[in-house]
N, C-alpha and C. Protein backbone atom coordinates (compact mmCIF):
# COMPACT_ATOMS: atom_id res chain seq x y z
N LEU A 1 -7.25 7.51 2.60
CA LEU A 1 -6.98 6.10 2.20
C LEU A 1 -5.62 5.29 2.52
N LYS A 2 -4.78 6.22 2.39
CA LYS A 2 -3.28 5.89 2.88
C LYS A 2 -3.53 4.80 3.94
N GLY A 3 -4.06 5.41 4.82
CA GLY A 3 -3.73 5.30 6.49
C GLY A 3 -4.68 3.81 6.08
N ASP A 4 -5.60 3.61 5.65
CA ASP A 4 -6.69 2.19 5.51
C ASP A 4 -5.73 1.04 5.00
N ILE A 5 -5.34 1.29 4.05
CA ILE A 5 -4.11 0.29 3.16
C ILE A 5 -3.22 -0.54 4.07
N ARG A 6 -3.06 0.61 5.11
CA ARG A 6 -1.64 0.23 5.81
C ARG A 6 -1.97 -0.38 7.14
N ARG A 7 -3.12 -0.04 7.26
CA ARG A 7 -3.65 -1.03 9.15
C ARG A 7 -4.19 -2.34 8.29
N THR A 8 -4.85 -2.37 7.04
CA THR A 8 -5.42 -4.00 6.51
C THR A 8 -4.22 -4.74 6.09
N GLU A 9 -3.15 -3.80 5.64
CA GLU A 9 -2.27 -4.62 5.48
C GLU A 9 -0.58 -4.59 5.55
N PRO A 10 -0.52 -4.17 7.57
CA PRO A 10 0.71 -3.91 7.66
C PRO A 10 1.92 -4.29 7.37
N HIS A 11 1.90 -5.41 6.59
CA HIS A 11 3.30 -6.24 6.23
C HIS A 11 3.61 -6.26 5.11
N LYS A 12 2.57 -5.63 4.14
CA LYS A 12 2.17 -5.75 2.81
C LYS A 12 3.36 -4.23 2.45
N PRO A 13 2.62 -3.30 2.93
CA PRO A 13 3.40 -1.99 2.52
C PRO A 13 5.37 -1.75 2.39
N ASN A 14 5.44 -2.65 3.74
CA ASN A 14 7.13 -2.95 3.72
C ASN A 14 8.03 -3.58 2.47
N ALA A 15 6.92 -4.48 1.93
CA ALA A 15 6.85 -5.81 0.75
C ALA A 15 6.61 -4.70 -0.41
N SER A 16 5.81 -3.89 -0.40
CA SER A 16 5.23 -2.94 -1.29
C SER A 16 6.07 -1.85 -1.70
N SER A 17 6.80 -1.63 -0.69
CA SER A 17 7.46 -0.05 -0.67
C SER A 17 8.56 -0.51 -1.75
N LYS A 18 8.82 -1.73 -2.65
CA LYS A 18 9.75 -1.45 -3.58
C LYS A 18 9.03 -1.41 -4.70
N GLY A 19 8.14 -1.26 -4.85
CA GLY A 19 7.33 -0.54 -6.12
C GLY A 19 5.68 -1.11 -6.29
N PRO A 20 5.34 -2.65 -6.17
CA PRO A 20 3.67 -2.55 -5.84
C PRO A 20 3.05 -1.81 -5.21
N ARG A 21 3.59 -0.69 -4.07
CA ARG A 21 2.98 0.08 -3.43
C ARG A 21 2.32 0.98 -4.54
N ALA A 22 3.51 1.45 -5.43
CA ALA A 22 2.74 2.78 -5.91
C ALA A 22 1.58 2.61 -6.80
N LYS A 23 1.80 0.92 -7.48
CA LYS A 23 0.37 0.77 -8.61
C LYS A 23 -0.40 0.32 -7.46
N LYS A 24 -0.77 -0.02 -6.04
CA LYS A 24 -1.60 -0.02 -5.38
C LYS A 24 -2.35 1.15 -5.11
N GLN A 25 -1.39 2.21 -4.64
CA GLN A 25 -1.81 3.66 -4.44
C GLN A 25 -3.06 4.45 -5.39
N LYS A 26 -2.08 3.84 -6.69
CA LYS A 26 -2.73 4.53 -7.58
C LYS A 26 -4.23 3.93 -8.15
N SER A 27 -4.17 2.73 -7.66
CA SER A 27 -5.35 1.87 -7.90
C SER A 27 -6.28 2.52 -6.61
N TYR A 28 -6.14 2.61 -5.54
CA TYR A 28 -6.92 3.11 -4.66
C TYR A 28 -7.67 4.46 -4.66
N ARG A 29 -6.52 5.36 -5.43
CA ARG A 29 -6.91 7.03 -5.47
C ARG A 29 -7.52 6.89 -6.52
């Protein structure tokens, strides 16, 4: 699912790389 999230939000991972990215990854997992 990691690839799916990146494709759906190519500009989000960049800004989420600061912190929200871990929260979103956990939610998806």
